[in-house]
Amino acid sequence: MHVIVTTDGSQASLQAARQFQVIADSREITEVTVLAVVSPYAAAPFANELGPHHAPAQTELSYRKDAEVAVGVVAAVFDGWGPTIHRDVRSGSPATEIIRAAEELSAGLISMAAGSRGLTATILLGSTASRVQHSAPCPVLICRPTVRGRA
């Protein structure tokens, strides 16, 4: 089975990748694609919690580099795990590109964080996760990171 593990550059997405790796059976998974999507239309198209911080005046190229760093950090979770690991950074609407990747790769599962910013981290399912779970061509595993201070 081919699995897509998404990252938006947040700590929540890194925790979700770790949760997936703990619960998944690597013998059943042949490939993992770690995917990030840079939104060219957003005011802040990519979270940068996993890589070095930049000056406020970023360009689309620097957002792509941030995404590549985040994909590398998340891909490292799977080092030595077994399946072949691929890295992919796309540009566009995150939900649309995640769904498109799942279709193109004939993915058997998408694993992603529930949400990473504001209230979505504790109360609501993130908008991207919600759209993906409703439209994906395969099952979607939504991982909600443990809130610090709670078991």
N, C-alpha and C. Protein backbone atom coordinates (compact mmCIF):
# COMPACT_ATOMS: atom_id res chain seq x y z
N MET A 1 0.85 -1.18 0.00
CA MET A 1 0.00 0.00 0.00
C MET A 1 0.89 1.24 0.00
N HIS A 2 0.48 2.23 -0.77
CA HIS A 2 1.16 3.52 -0.82
C HIS A 2 0.42 4.49 0.10
N VAL A 3 1.15 5.14 1.01
CA VAL A 3 0.56 6.06 1.97
C VAL A 3 1.12 7.46 1.74
N ILE A 4 0.24 8.45 1.78
CA ILE A 4 0.66 9.85 1.72
C ILE A 4 0.62 10.40 3.14
N VAL A 5 1.74 10.95 3.59
CA VAL A 5 1.84 11.60 4.90
C VAL A 5 2.03 13.08 4.61
N THR A 6 1.11 13.91 5.08
CA THR A 6 1.17 15.33 4.76
C THR A 6 1.86 16.13 5.86
N THR A 7 2.46 17.25 5.44
CA THR A 7 3.00 18.20 6.40
C THR A 7 2.70 19.61 5.93
N ASP A 8 2.39 20.47 6.89
CA ASP A 8 2.23 21.90 6.58
C ASP A 8 3.32 22.70 7.27
N GLY A 9 4.37 22.01 7.71
CA GLY A 9 5.47 22.68 8.36
C GLY A 9 5.26 22.92 9.84
N SER A 10 4.18 22.40 10.39
CA SER A 10 3.85 22.63 11.80
C SER A 10 4.35 21.48 12.67
N GLN A 11 4.49 21.76 13.96
CA GLN A 11 4.81 20.71 14.92
C GLN A 11 3.70 19.66 14.94
N ALA A 12 2.46 20.09 14.76
CA ALA A 12 1.33 19.15 14.75
C ALA A 12 1.49 18.13 13.64
N SER A 13 1.94 18.56 12.46
CA SER A 13 2.10 17.61 11.36
C SER A 13 3.26 16.65 11.62
N LEU A 14 4.30 17.12 12.29
CA LEU A 14 5.41 16.23 12.65
C LEU A 14 4.94 15.20 13.68
N GLN A 15 4.17 15.63 14.67
CA GLN A 15 3.63 14.70 15.66
C GLN A 15 2.69 13.69 15.00
N ALA A 16 1.91 14.14 14.03
CA ALA A 16 1.00 13.23 13.33
C ALA A 16 1.78 12.17 12.57
N ALA A 17 2.88 12.55 11.93
CA ALA A 17 3.72 11.58 11.22
C ALA A 17 4.28 10.54 12.19
N ARG A 18 4.70 11.01 13.35
CA ARG A 18 5.23 10.08 14.37
C ARG A 18 4.13 9.14 14.87
N GLN A 19 2.92 9.67 15.08
CA GLN A 19 1.81 8.82 15.51
C GLN A 19 1.51 7.76 14.46
N PHE A 20 1.47 8.17 13.20
CA PHE A 20 1.21 7.22 12.12
C PHE A 20 2.27 6.12 12.12
N GLN A 21 3.53 6.50 12.22
CA GLN A 21 4.62 5.53 12.17
C GLN A 21 4.52 4.52 13.31
N VAL A 22 4.06 4.96 14.46
CA VAL A 22 3.92 4.06 15.62
C VAL A 22 2.80 3.05 15.41
N ILE A 23 1.69 3.47 14.83
CA ILE A 23 0.54 2.57 14.73
C ILE A 23 0.49 1.76 13.44
N ALA A 24 1.22 2.18 12.41
CA ALA A 24 1.16 1.50 11.11
C ALA A 24 2.07 0.27 11.09
N ASP A 25 1.69 -0.70 10.29
CA ASP A 25 2.48 -1.91 10.10
C ASP A 25 3.32 -1.73 8.84
N SER A 26 4.62 -1.53 9.01
CA SER A 26 5.49 -1.25 7.86
C SER A 26 5.54 -2.41 6.87
N ARG A 27 5.13 -3.60 7.29
CA ARG A 27 5.12 -4.74 6.37
C ARG A 27 3.99 -4.62 5.35
N GLU A 28 2.95 -3.86 5.68
CA GLU A 28 1.81 -3.68 4.79
C GLU A 28 1.96 -2.46 3.88
N ILE A 29 2.96 -1.64 4.16
CA ILE A 29 3.15 -0.39 3.43
C ILE A 29 4.37 -0.52 2.54
N THR A 30 4.20 -0.31 1.24
CA THR A 30 5.31 -0.43 0.30
C THR A 30 6.00 0.91 0.04
N GLU A 31 5.21 1.99 0.07
CA GLU A 31 5.77 3.32 -0.20
C GLU A 31 5.08 4.36 0.67
N VAL A 32 5.86 5.38 1.05
CA VAL A 32 5.33 6.54 1.76
C VAL A 32 5.78 7.77 0.99
N THR A 33 4.83 8.63 0.66
CA THR A 33 5.16 9.92 0.07
C THR A 33 4.86 10.99 1.10
N VAL A 34 5.90 11.73 1.50
CA VAL A 34 5.73 12.86 2.41
C VAL A 34 5.46 14.07 1.52
N LEU A 35 4.30 14.69 1.73
CA LEU A 35 3.81 15.74 0.83
C LEU A 35 3.56 17.04 1.57
N ALA A 36 4.06 18.13 0.99
CA ALA A 36 3.74 19.48 1.47
C ALA A 36 3.19 20.26 0.29
N VAL A 37 2.27 21.16 0.58
CA VAL A 37 1.68 22.00 -0.47
C VAL A 37 1.85 23.46 -0.07
N VAL A 38 2.45 24.22 -0.96
CA VAL A 38 2.62 25.66 -0.77
C VAL A 38 1.48 26.35 -1.50
N SER A 39 0.72 27.14 -0.78
CA SER A 39 -0.39 27.88 -1.38
C SER A 39 0.10 29.23 -1.87
N PRO A 40 0.11 29.46 -3.17
CA PRO A 40 0.65 30.72 -3.69
C PRO A 40 -0.23 31.93 -3.41
N TYR A 41 -1.45 31.72 -2.94
CA TYR A 41 -2.39 32.82 -2.76
C TYR A 41 -2.56 33.25 -1.31
N ALA A 42 -2.05 32.48 -0.37
CA ALA A 42 -2.24 32.81 1.04
C ALA A 42 -1.26 33.88 1.49
N ALA A 43 -1.64 34.64 2.51
CA ALA A 43 -0.75 35.67 3.05
C ALA A 43 0.49 35.02 3.67
N ALA A 44 0.32 33.90 4.32
CA ALA A 44 1.44 33.12 4.87
C ALA A 44 1.27 31.69 4.38
N PRO A 45 1.77 31.38 3.15
CA PRO A 45 1.48 30.12 2.51
C PRO A 45 2.02 28.86 3.17
N PHE A 46 3.01 28.99 4.06
CA PHE A 46 3.56 27.77 4.64
C PHE A 46 4.06 28.04 6.05
N ALA A 47 3.64 27.21 6.98
CA ALA A 47 4.13 27.34 8.36
C ALA A 47 5.60 26.98 8.38
N ASN A 48 6.35 27.61 9.23
CA ASN A 48 7.78 27.31 9.32
C ASN A 48 8.14 27.04 10.77
N GLU A 49 7.64 25.93 11.30
CA GLU A 49 7.95 25.55 12.67
C GLU A 49 9.03 24.48 12.72
N LEU A 50 9.40 23.91 11.56
CA LEU A 50 10.33 22.79 11.54
C LEU A 50 11.69 23.15 10.97
N GLY A 51 11.86 24.36 10.46
CA GLY A 51 13.13 24.75 9.86
C GLY A 51 13.60 26.09 10.36
N PRO A 52 14.69 26.60 9.79
CA PRO A 52 15.22 27.90 10.22
C PRO A 52 14.25 29.03 9.89
N HIS A 53 14.26 30.06 10.71
CA HIS A 53 13.38 31.20 10.50
C HIS A 53 14.03 32.21 9.56
N HIS A 54 13.20 32.89 8.76
CA HIS A 54 13.68 33.86 7.78
C HIS A 54 13.19 35.25 8.12
N ALA A 55 13.74 36.22 7.42
CA ALA A 55 13.26 37.60 7.55
C ALA A 55 11.82 37.66 7.07
N PRO A 56 11.03 38.63 7.55
CA PRO A 56 9.61 38.72 7.20
C PRO A 56 9.32 38.80 5.70
N ALA A 57 10.19 39.40 4.92
CA ALA A 57 9.93 39.57 3.49
C ALA A 57 10.34 38.32 2.73
N GLN A 58 9.49 37.31 2.76
CA GLN A 58 9.79 36.06 2.07
C GLN A 58 9.22 36.09 0.66
N THR A 59 9.76 35.22 -0.16
CA THR A 59 9.28 35.07 -1.53
C THR A 59 8.68 33.68 -1.68
N GLU A 60 8.02 33.46 -2.80
CA GLU A 60 7.46 32.13 -3.05
C GLU A 60 8.56 31.06 -3.03
N LEU A 61 9.75 31.42 -3.53
CA LEU A 61 10.87 30.49 -3.54
C LEU A 61 11.28 30.11 -2.12
N SER A 62 11.31 31.09 -1.19
CA SER A 62 11.69 30.76 0.18
C SER A 62 10.62 29.91 0.86
N TYR A 63 9.33 30.12 0.52
CA TYR A 63 8.28 29.26 1.07
C TYR A 63 8.47 27.83 0.57
N ARG A 64 8.85 27.68 -0.69
CA ARG A 64 9.09 26.34 -1.23
C ARG A 64 10.27 25.69 -0.50
N LYS A 65 11.31 26.46 -0.24
CA LYS A 65 12.45 25.91 0.50
C LYS A 65 12.03 25.50 1.91
N ASP A 66 11.20 26.31 2.57
CA ASP A 66 10.68 25.94 3.89
C ASP A 66 9.91 24.62 3.79
N ALA A 67 9.11 24.48 2.74
CA ALA A 67 8.33 23.25 2.55
C ALA A 67 9.25 22.06 2.34
N GLU A 68 10.31 22.25 1.57
CA GLU A 68 11.27 21.16 1.34
C GLU A 68 11.96 20.75 2.63
N VAL A 69 12.30 21.73 3.47
CA VAL A 69 12.91 21.42 4.77
C VAL A 69 11.93 20.63 5.63
N ALA A 70 10.67 21.07 5.68
CA ALA A 70 9.66 20.38 6.48
C ALA A 70 9.46 18.95 5.98
N VAL A 71 9.40 18.77 4.67
CA VAL A 71 9.26 17.42 4.11
C VAL A 71 10.45 16.56 4.53
N GLY A 72 11.64 17.12 4.51
CA GLY A 72 12.83 16.38 4.93
C GLY A 72 12.77 15.97 6.40
N VAL A 73 12.31 16.89 7.25
CA VAL A 73 12.20 16.58 8.69
C VAL A 73 11.20 15.46 8.91
N VAL A 74 10.05 15.54 8.25
CA VAL A 74 9.03 14.50 8.41
C VAL A 74 9.50 13.19 7.78
N ALA A 75 10.14 13.24 6.62
CA ALA A 75 10.64 12.02 5.99
C ALA A 75 11.64 11.31 6.89
N ALA A 76 12.41 12.06 7.67
CA ALA A 76 13.40 11.47 8.57
C ALA A 76 12.75 10.59 9.64
N VAL A 77 11.47 10.85 9.95
CA VAL A 77 10.74 10.00 10.90
C VAL A 77 10.73 8.55 10.42
N PHE A 78 10.74 8.37 9.10
CA PHE A 78 10.60 7.04 8.51
C PHE A 78 11.94 6.41 8.11
N ASP A 79 13.07 7.06 8.41
CA ASP A 79 14.38 6.50 8.09
C ASP A 79 14.53 5.11 8.71
N GLY A 80 14.90 4.14 7.88
CA GLY A 80 15.13 2.79 8.36
C GLY A 80 13.87 2.01 8.70
N TRP A 81 12.72 2.56 8.39
CA TRP A 81 11.45 1.94 8.76
C TRP A 81 11.08 0.78 7.85
N GLY A 82 11.47 0.84 6.59
CA GLY A 82 11.16 -0.26 5.68
C GLY A 82 10.69 0.20 4.31
N PRO A 83 9.51 0.85 4.23
CA PRO A 83 8.99 1.25 2.92
C PRO A 83 9.89 2.29 2.23
N THR A 84 9.77 2.37 0.92
CA THR A 84 10.45 3.40 0.15
C THR A 84 9.81 4.75 0.47
N ILE A 85 10.64 5.76 0.73
CA ILE A 85 10.15 7.08 1.09
C ILE A 85 10.38 8.04 -0.06
N HIS A 86 9.31 8.74 -0.46
CA HIS A 86 9.38 9.76 -1.50
C HIS A 86 9.08 11.11 -0.87
N ARG A 87 9.60 12.16 -1.47
CA ARG A 87 9.36 13.53 -1.01
C ARG A 87 8.72 14.31 -2.15
N ASP A 88 7.70 15.11 -1.81
CA ASP A 88 6.99 15.87 -2.84
C ASP A 88 6.54 17.21 -2.28
N VAL A 89 6.82 18.28 -3.02
CA VAL A 89 6.33 19.61 -2.68
C VAL A 89 5.56 20.11 -3.89
N ARG A 90 4.31 20.49 -3.65
CA ARG A 90 3.45 20.98 -4.73
C ARG A 90 3.00 22.39 -4.42
N SER A 91 2.46 23.04 -5.44
CA SER A 91 1.94 24.40 -5.28
C SER A 91 0.46 24.38 -5.65
N GLY A 92 -0.36 25.03 -4.82
CA GLY A 92 -1.79 25.09 -5.10
C GLY A 92 -2.59 25.06 -3.81
N SER A 93 -3.85 24.71 -3.95
CA SER A 93 -4.72 24.55 -2.79
C SER A 93 -4.30 23.27 -2.06
N PRO A 94 -4.00 23.34 -0.76
CA PRO A 94 -3.55 22.13 -0.06
C PRO A 94 -4.50 20.94 -0.20
N ALA A 95 -5.78 21.13 0.03
CA ALA A 95 -6.72 20.01 -0.06
C ALA A 95 -6.76 19.44 -1.47
N THR A 96 -6.83 20.30 -2.46
CA THR A 96 -6.89 19.86 -3.85
C THR A 96 -5.65 19.07 -4.24
N GLU A 97 -4.49 19.57 -3.86
CA GLU A 97 -3.24 18.90 -4.23
C GLU A 97 -3.04 17.58 -3.49
N ILE A 98 -3.48 17.51 -2.24
CA ILE A 98 -3.39 16.25 -1.49
C ILE A 98 -4.28 15.20 -2.15
N ILE A 99 -5.49 15.59 -2.51
CA ILE A 99 -6.42 14.67 -3.17
C ILE A 99 -5.87 14.25 -4.53
N ARG A 100 -5.34 15.22 -5.28
CA ARG A 100 -4.76 14.92 -6.60
C ARG A 100 -3.60 13.93 -6.46
N ALA A 101 -2.74 14.14 -5.48
CA ALA A 101 -1.61 13.22 -5.26
C ALA A 101 -2.12 11.82 -4.94
N ALA A 102 -3.14 11.73 -4.11
CA ALA A 102 -3.70 10.42 -3.76
C ALA A 102 -4.23 9.71 -5.00
N GLU A 103 -4.87 10.45 -5.89
CA GLU A 103 -5.38 9.86 -7.13
C GLU A 103 -4.23 9.44 -8.03
N GLU A 104 -3.25 10.32 -8.23
CA GLU A 104 -2.13 10.02 -9.12
C GLU A 104 -1.29 8.84 -8.64
N LEU A 105 -1.12 8.73 -7.34
CA LEU A 105 -0.27 7.68 -6.77
C LEU A 105 -1.04 6.42 -6.38
N SER A 106 -2.35 6.42 -6.63
CA SER A 106 -3.21 5.30 -6.20
C SER A 106 -2.97 4.98 -4.73
N ALA A 107 -2.97 6.02 -3.92
CA ALA A 107 -2.70 5.87 -2.49
C ALA A 107 -3.79 5.04 -1.82
N GLY A 108 -3.37 4.24 -0.85
CA GLY A 108 -4.31 3.45 -0.07
C GLY A 108 -4.71 4.14 1.21
N LEU A 109 -3.98 5.21 1.58
CA LEU A 109 -4.25 5.93 2.82
C LEU A 109 -3.57 7.29 2.77
N ILE A 110 -4.23 8.29 3.36
CA ILE A 110 -3.64 9.60 3.60
C ILE A 110 -3.60 9.78 5.11
N SER A 111 -2.44 10.18 5.63
CA SER A 111 -2.30 10.46 7.06
C SER A 111 -1.96 11.93 7.22
N MET A 112 -2.72 12.61 8.10
CA MET A 112 -2.50 14.05 8.28
C MET A 112 -2.91 14.50 9.67
N ALA A 113 -2.43 15.68 10.05
CA ALA A 113 -2.79 16.26 11.35
C ALA A 113 -4.19 16.83 11.27
N ALA A 114 -4.85 16.86 12.41
CA ALA A 114 -6.22 17.39 12.48
C ALA A 114 -6.25 18.88 12.18
N GLY A 115 -5.26 19.60 12.59
CA GLY A 115 -5.18 21.04 12.39
C GLY A 115 -3.98 21.54 13.15
N SER A 116 -3.48 22.72 12.78
CA SER A 116 -2.24 23.13 13.41
C SER A 116 -2.23 24.55 13.93
N ARG A 117 -3.27 25.32 13.67
CA ARG A 117 -3.22 26.72 14.07
C ARG A 117 -4.48 27.12 14.82
N GLY A 118 -4.32 28.00 15.77
CA GLY A 118 -5.46 28.58 16.47
C GLY A 118 -6.35 27.54 17.13
N LEU A 119 -7.66 27.77 17.03
CA LEU A 119 -8.63 26.88 17.67
C LEU A 119 -8.64 25.48 17.07
N THR A 120 -8.21 25.35 15.81
CA THR A 120 -8.28 24.03 15.18
C THR A 120 -7.42 23.01 15.88
N ALA A 121 -6.40 23.46 16.61
CA ALA A 121 -5.53 22.50 17.29
C ALA A 121 -6.24 21.80 18.44
N THR A 122 -7.27 22.44 19.00
CA THR A 122 -7.91 21.84 20.17
C THR A 122 -9.41 21.65 20.03
N ILE A 123 -10.07 22.39 19.16
CA ILE A 123 -11.52 22.34 19.12
C ILE A 123 -12.06 21.78 17.80
N LEU A 124 -11.63 22.33 16.69
CA LEU A 124 -12.21 22.00 15.40
C LEU A 124 -11.26 21.17 14.54
N LEU A 125 -11.83 20.42 13.61
CA LEU A 125 -11.03 19.74 12.61
C LEU A 125 -10.59 20.80 11.61
N GLY A 126 -9.32 20.85 11.28
CA GLY A 126 -8.81 21.85 10.35
C GLY A 126 -9.54 21.80 9.01
N SER A 127 -9.62 22.93 8.34
CA SER A 127 -10.37 23.01 7.09
C SER A 127 -9.76 22.12 6.01
N THR A 128 -8.43 22.06 5.92
CA THR A 128 -7.81 21.19 4.92
C THR A 128 -8.11 19.73 5.24
N ALA A 129 -7.96 19.33 6.48
CA ALA A 129 -8.24 17.94 6.87
C ALA A 129 -9.70 17.59 6.59
N SER A 130 -10.59 18.51 6.88
CA SER A 130 -12.02 18.28 6.64
C SER A 130 -12.30 18.08 5.16
N ARG A 131 -11.75 18.95 4.32
CA ARG A 131 -11.97 18.82 2.87
C ARG A 131 -11.37 17.53 2.33
N VAL A 132 -10.18 17.19 2.79
CA VAL A 132 -9.54 15.97 2.31
C VAL A 132 -10.35 14.75 2.71
N GLN A 133 -10.79 14.67 3.95
CA GLN A 133 -11.52 13.47 4.39
C GLN A 133 -12.84 13.30 3.64
N HIS A 134 -13.44 14.40 3.19
CA HIS A 134 -14.71 14.30 2.47
C HIS A 134 -14.54 13.98 0.99
N SER A 135 -13.36 14.24 0.42
CA SER A 135 -13.21 14.10 -1.03
C SER A 135 -12.11 13.13 -1.47
N ALA A 136 -11.35 12.60 -0.56
CA ALA A 136 -10.23 11.72 -0.92
C ALA A 136 -10.72 10.42 -1.53
N PRO A 137 -9.93 9.85 -2.44
CA PRO A 137 -10.29 8.58 -3.06
C PRO A 137 -9.90 7.36 -2.22
N CYS A 138 -9.44 7.60 -0.99
CA CYS A 138 -8.98 6.52 -0.11
C CYS A 138 -9.26 6.92 1.34
N PRO A 139 -9.09 6.01 2.28
CA PRO A 139 -9.27 6.37 3.69
C PRO A 139 -8.29 7.47 4.11
N VAL A 140 -8.71 8.26 5.10
CA VAL A 140 -7.88 9.35 5.63
C VAL A 140 -7.75 9.14 7.14
N LEU A 141 -6.51 9.07 7.61
CA LEU A 141 -6.23 8.96 9.03
C LEU A 141 -5.92 10.36 9.55
N ILE A 142 -6.77 10.85 10.46
CA ILE A 142 -6.57 12.18 11.04
C ILE A 142 -5.95 11.98 12.42
N CYS A 143 -4.77 12.52 12.62
CA CYS A 143 -4.06 12.40 13.90
C CYS A 143 -4.16 13.71 14.66
N ARG A 144 -4.68 13.63 15.86
CA ARG A 144 -4.76 14.82 16.72
C ARG A 144 -3.63 14.74 17.73
N PRO A 145 -2.68 15.68 17.65
CA PRO A 145 -1.56 15.67 18.60
C PRO A 145 -2.05 15.83 20.03
N THR A 146 -1.32 15.23 20.95
CA THR A 146 -1.63 15.36 22.37
C THR A 146 -1.32 16.78 22.81
N VAL A 147 -2.27 17.40 23.51
CA VAL A 147 -2.05 18.74 24.03
C VAL A 147 -1.10 18.62 25.21
N ARG A 148 -0.07 19.46 25.22
CA ARG A 148 0.90 19.40 26.32
C ARG A 148 0.21 19.63 27.65
N GLY A 149 0.61 18.84 28.62
CA GLY A 149 0.02 18.96 29.94
C GLY A 149 -1.16 18.02 30.15
N ARG A 150 -1.58 17.35 29.07
CA ARG A 150 -2.68 16.37 29.16
C ARG A 150 -2.19 15.03 28.67
N ALA A 151 -2.74 13.98 29.21
CA ALA A 151 -2.33 12.64 28.78
C ALA A 151 -3.12 12.20 27.59
